[in-house]
Amino acid sequence: AARARDGADLLVGVLEPAQAPVRRRVLRRWLLDAGIGDLTDGHLRSVDALVGRWRGQGGVFLPGGVEAYRSRDKLALNFRQSTTGGG
């Protein structure tokens, strides 16, 4: 897990050769450390697909308005501001 870290991002090249259950444990810890809770197995499998089955697809939307996405050889998180009415 520590070798996969690159600041706040994860290096895909380190994760990719690992078995899927190991990757998902690393991804779960990464997401929890980033403050993302209420994760489901579906969330983890979708983020894992950005590593193991990436074909240029877009990001994965997670609880709290966070998007996990792949940019070349890294996984990163985009913390979107939630918007409420008003103006």
N, C-alpha and C. Protein backbone atom coordinates (compact mmCIF):
# COMPACT_ATOMS: atom_id res chain seq x y z
N ALA A 1 0.83 -1.20 0.00
CA ALA A 1 0.00 0.00 0.00
C ALA A 1 0.87 1.26 0.00
N ALA A 2 1.90 1.27 0.81
CA ALA A 2 2.76 2.45 0.89
C ALA A 2 3.48 2.71 -0.43
N ARG A 3 3.87 1.65 -1.13
CA ARG A 3 4.56 1.82 -2.42
C ARG A 3 3.64 2.41 -3.47
N ALA A 4 2.34 2.19 -3.32
CA ALA A 4 1.38 2.70 -4.32
C ALA A 4 1.11 4.18 -4.14
N ARG A 5 1.40 4.72 -2.96
CA ARG A 5 1.09 6.13 -2.69
C ARG A 5 2.04 7.05 -3.42
N ASP A 6 1.47 8.09 -3.99
CA ASP A 6 2.23 9.18 -4.60
C ASP A 6 1.56 10.46 -4.15
N GLY A 7 1.91 10.92 -2.96
CA GLY A 7 1.18 12.04 -2.37
C GLY A 7 -0.23 11.58 -2.05
N ALA A 8 -1.21 12.31 -2.54
CA ALA A 8 -2.61 11.96 -2.32
C ALA A 8 -3.12 10.96 -3.35
N ASP A 9 -2.33 10.66 -4.36
CA ASP A 9 -2.74 9.77 -5.45
C ASP A 9 -2.20 8.36 -5.25
N LEU A 10 -2.66 7.44 -6.09
CA LEU A 10 -2.15 6.07 -6.10
C LEU A 10 -1.57 5.76 -7.47
N LEU A 11 -0.46 5.05 -7.49
CA LEU A 11 0.19 4.66 -8.74
C LEU A 11 -0.43 3.37 -9.27
N VAL A 12 -1.01 3.45 -10.44
CA VAL A 12 -1.67 2.30 -11.05
C VAL A 12 -0.68 1.16 -11.30
N GLY A 13 0.53 1.49 -11.73
CA GLY A 13 1.52 0.46 -12.04
C GLY A 13 1.88 -0.42 -10.86
N VAL A 14 1.76 0.11 -9.65
CA VAL A 14 2.03 -0.68 -8.46
C VAL A 14 0.82 -1.55 -8.12
N LEU A 15 -0.38 -1.01 -8.32
CA LEU A 15 -1.60 -1.74 -7.98
C LEU A 15 -1.97 -2.81 -9.00
N GLU A 16 -1.74 -2.54 -10.26
CA GLU A 16 -2.25 -3.40 -11.33
C GLU A 16 -1.84 -4.87 -11.21
N PRO A 17 -0.58 -5.20 -10.90
CA PRO A 17 -0.22 -6.62 -10.84
C PRO A 17 -0.75 -7.35 -9.60
N ALA A 18 -1.25 -6.62 -8.61
CA ALA A 18 -1.76 -7.25 -7.39
C ALA A 18 -3.10 -7.94 -7.67
N GLN A 19 -3.39 -8.96 -6.89
CA GLN A 19 -4.68 -9.63 -7.01
C GLN A 19 -5.79 -8.67 -6.61
N ALA A 20 -6.97 -8.86 -7.22
CA ALA A 20 -8.09 -7.94 -7.01
C ALA A 20 -8.44 -7.73 -5.53
N PRO A 21 -8.50 -8.77 -4.70
CA PRO A 21 -8.82 -8.52 -3.29
C PRO A 21 -7.80 -7.63 -2.59
N VAL A 22 -6.53 -7.79 -2.94
CA VAL A 22 -5.48 -6.95 -2.35
C VAL A 22 -5.66 -5.51 -2.83
N ARG A 23 -5.88 -5.34 -4.13
CA ARG A 23 -6.10 -3.98 -4.67
C ARG A 23 -7.27 -3.31 -3.97
N ARG A 24 -8.37 -4.05 -3.79
CA ARG A 24 -9.55 -3.44 -3.16
C ARG A 24 -9.29 -3.05 -1.71
N ARG A 25 -8.47 -3.83 -1.00
CA ARG A 25 -8.12 -3.44 0.37
C ARG A 25 -7.32 -2.14 0.37
N VAL A 26 -6.38 -2.03 -0.55
CA VAL A 26 -5.58 -0.80 -0.66
C VAL A 26 -6.47 0.37 -1.04
N LEU A 27 -7.37 0.16 -2.01
CA LEU A 27 -8.28 1.23 -2.43
C LEU A 27 -9.20 1.65 -1.29
N ARG A 28 -9.72 0.68 -0.54
CA ARG A 28 -10.61 1.00 0.59
C ARG A 28 -9.87 1.86 1.61
N ARG A 29 -8.64 1.48 1.96
CA ARG A 29 -7.86 2.25 2.94
C ARG A 29 -7.60 3.66 2.42
N TRP A 30 -7.26 3.78 1.13
CA TRP A 30 -7.00 5.08 0.50
C TRP A 30 -8.23 5.97 0.59
N LEU A 31 -9.38 5.41 0.27
CA LEU A 31 -10.62 6.19 0.30
C LEU A 31 -11.02 6.56 1.72
N LEU A 32 -10.89 5.62 2.65
CA LEU A 32 -11.21 5.94 4.05
C LEU A 32 -10.27 7.00 4.60
N ASP A 33 -8.98 6.89 4.27
CA ASP A 33 -8.01 7.90 4.73
C ASP A 33 -8.33 9.29 4.17
N ALA A 34 -8.98 9.32 3.01
CA ALA A 34 -9.36 10.60 2.40
C ALA A 34 -10.67 11.13 2.98
N GLY A 35 -11.25 10.38 3.93
CA GLY A 35 -12.47 10.84 4.58
C GLY A 35 -13.76 10.42 3.90
N ILE A 36 -13.67 9.46 3.00
CA ILE A 36 -14.86 9.00 2.28
C ILE A 36 -15.42 7.79 3.01
N GLY A 37 -16.61 7.94 3.54
CA GLY A 37 -17.25 6.85 4.27
C GLY A 37 -18.41 6.28 3.47
N ASP A 38 -19.15 5.39 4.10
CA ASP A 38 -20.32 4.76 3.48
C ASP A 38 -19.98 4.07 2.17
N LEU A 39 -18.80 3.46 2.09
CA LEU A 39 -18.39 2.77 0.88
C LEU A 39 -19.06 1.40 0.80
N THR A 40 -19.50 1.05 -0.37
CA THR A 40 -20.08 -0.27 -0.61
C THR A 40 -19.10 -1.11 -1.42
N ASP A 41 -19.39 -2.39 -1.51
CA ASP A 41 -18.59 -3.27 -2.36
C ASP A 41 -18.65 -2.78 -3.80
N GLY A 42 -19.81 -2.28 -4.22
CA GLY A 42 -19.95 -1.76 -5.57
C GLY A 42 -19.04 -0.57 -5.84
N HIS A 43 -18.93 0.32 -4.86
CA HIS A 43 -18.01 1.45 -5.00
C HIS A 43 -16.58 0.96 -5.20
N LEU A 44 -16.16 0.03 -4.34
CA LEU A 44 -14.79 -0.46 -4.42
C LEU A 44 -14.52 -1.19 -5.73
N ARG A 45 -15.47 -1.98 -6.19
CA ARG A 45 -15.29 -2.69 -7.45
C ARG A 45 -15.24 -1.71 -8.64
N SER A 46 -16.01 -0.64 -8.56
CA SER A 46 -15.99 0.36 -9.63
C SER A 46 -14.66 1.10 -9.67
N VAL A 47 -14.13 1.45 -8.50
CA VAL A 47 -12.83 2.12 -8.45
C VAL A 47 -11.75 1.13 -8.89
N ASP A 48 -11.87 -0.13 -8.49
CA ASP A 48 -10.91 -1.15 -8.91
C ASP A 48 -10.91 -1.31 -10.43
N ALA A 49 -12.05 -1.14 -11.06
CA ALA A 49 -12.12 -1.23 -12.53
C ALA A 49 -11.27 -0.15 -13.20
N LEU A 50 -11.05 0.96 -12.51
CA LEU A 50 -10.18 2.01 -13.05
C LEU A 50 -8.73 1.53 -13.11
N VAL A 51 -8.42 0.50 -12.33
CA VAL A 51 -7.07 -0.07 -12.33
C VAL A 51 -7.02 -1.27 -13.27
N GLY A 52 -7.86 -2.26 -13.00
CA GLY A 52 -7.76 -3.54 -13.68
C GLY A 52 -8.46 -3.65 -15.02
N ARG A 53 -9.45 -2.80 -15.26
CA ARG A 53 -10.21 -2.88 -16.50
C ARG A 53 -10.41 -1.50 -17.11
N TRP A 54 -9.39 -0.68 -17.04
CA TRP A 54 -9.51 0.69 -17.53
C TRP A 54 -9.43 0.74 -19.04
N ARG A 55 -10.42 1.37 -19.65
CA ARG A 55 -10.47 1.54 -21.10
C ARG A 55 -10.79 2.99 -21.45
N GLY A 56 -10.35 3.90 -20.58
CA GLY A 56 -10.60 5.31 -20.82
C GLY A 56 -11.92 5.81 -20.26
N GLN A 57 -12.60 4.96 -19.47
CA GLN A 57 -13.89 5.37 -18.91
C GLN A 57 -13.72 6.54 -17.94
N GLY A 58 -14.81 7.20 -17.71
CA GLY A 58 -14.82 8.33 -16.79
C GLY A 58 -14.67 7.88 -15.35
N GLY A 59 -14.76 8.84 -14.47
CA GLY A 59 -14.57 8.58 -13.05
C GLY A 59 -15.73 7.87 -12.40
N VAL A 60 -15.53 7.56 -11.12
CA VAL A 60 -16.52 6.88 -10.30
C VAL A 60 -16.97 7.85 -9.23
N PHE A 61 -18.27 8.06 -9.13
CA PHE A 61 -18.80 8.98 -8.13
C PHE A 61 -19.04 8.23 -6.83
N LEU A 62 -18.53 8.80 -5.75
CA LEU A 62 -18.55 8.18 -4.43
C LEU A 62 -19.34 9.04 -3.46
N PRO A 63 -19.68 8.49 -2.29
CA PRO A 63 -20.41 9.27 -1.29
C PRO A 63 -19.70 10.58 -0.96
N GLY A 64 -20.49 11.59 -0.68
CA GLY A 64 -19.94 12.89 -0.30
C GLY A 64 -19.57 13.76 -1.49
N GLY A 65 -20.01 13.37 -2.70
CA GLY A 65 -19.72 14.17 -3.87
C GLY A 65 -18.28 14.08 -4.34
N VAL A 66 -17.62 12.97 -4.03
CA VAL A 66 -16.22 12.78 -4.42
C VAL A 66 -16.17 11.90 -5.67
N GLU A 67 -15.27 12.25 -6.57
CA GLU A 67 -15.07 11.45 -7.78
C GLU A 67 -13.67 10.85 -7.75
N ALA A 68 -13.59 9.53 -7.92
CA ALA A 68 -12.30 8.86 -8.11
C ALA A 68 -12.12 8.72 -9.61
N TYR A 69 -10.95 9.09 -10.10
CA TYR A 69 -10.72 9.02 -11.54
C TYR A 69 -9.28 8.61 -11.82
N ARG A 70 -9.07 8.15 -13.04
CA ARG A 70 -7.72 7.78 -13.47
C ARG A 70 -7.23 8.81 -14.45
N SER A 71 -6.03 9.25 -14.20
CA SER A 71 -5.35 10.17 -15.11
C SER A 71 -4.02 9.54 -15.45
N ARG A 72 -3.97 8.93 -16.61
CA ARG A 72 -2.78 8.20 -17.08
C ARG A 72 -2.41 7.10 -16.10
N ASP A 73 -1.34 7.28 -15.35
CA ASP A 73 -0.84 6.20 -14.51
C ASP A 73 -1.14 6.40 -13.02
N LYS A 74 -2.12 7.26 -12.72
CA LYS A 74 -2.46 7.52 -11.32
C LYS A 74 -3.97 7.52 -11.10
N LEU A 75 -4.36 7.13 -9.89
CA LEU A 75 -5.73 7.33 -9.43
C LEU A 75 -5.73 8.56 -8.55
N ALA A 76 -6.73 9.39 -8.72
CA ALA A 76 -6.82 10.62 -7.95
C ALA A 76 -8.27 10.84 -7.52
N LEU A 77 -8.45 11.76 -6.61
CA LEU A 77 -9.79 12.10 -6.11
C LEU A 77 -10.08 13.56 -6.39
N ASN A 78 -11.31 13.81 -6.77
CA ASN A 78 -11.78 15.17 -6.99
C ASN A 78 -12.89 15.43 -5.98
N PHE A 79 -12.63 16.31 -5.04
CA PHE A 79 -13.61 16.66 -4.01
C PHE A 79 -14.45 17.81 -4.52
N ARG A 80 -15.60 17.49 -5.03
CA ARG A 80 -16.50 18.50 -5.59
C ARG A 80 -17.25 19.18 -4.46
N GLN A 81 -17.46 20.46 -4.62
CA GLN A 81 -18.28 21.21 -3.67
C GLN A 81 -19.74 20.90 -3.94
N SER A 82 -20.46 20.56 -2.89
CA SER A 82 -21.89 20.37 -3.10
C SER A 82 -22.53 21.74 -3.18
N THR A 83 -23.50 21.84 -4.05
CA THR A 83 -24.17 23.13 -4.24
C THR A 83 -25.59 23.00 -3.74
N THR A 84 -26.03 24.04 -3.12
CA THR A 84 -27.43 24.11 -2.68
C THR A 84 -28.04 25.31 -3.34
N GLY A 85 -29.33 25.34 -3.35
CA GLY A 85 -30.04 26.44 -4.01
C GLY A 85 -29.60 27.80 -3.50
N GLY A 86 -30.03 28.80 -4.14
CA GLY A 86 -29.63 30.15 -3.76
C GLY A 86 -29.00 30.83 -4.94
N GLY A 87 -28.61 32.02 -4.73
CA GLY A 87 -27.99 32.60 -5.89
C GLY A 87 -27.69 33.96 -5.71
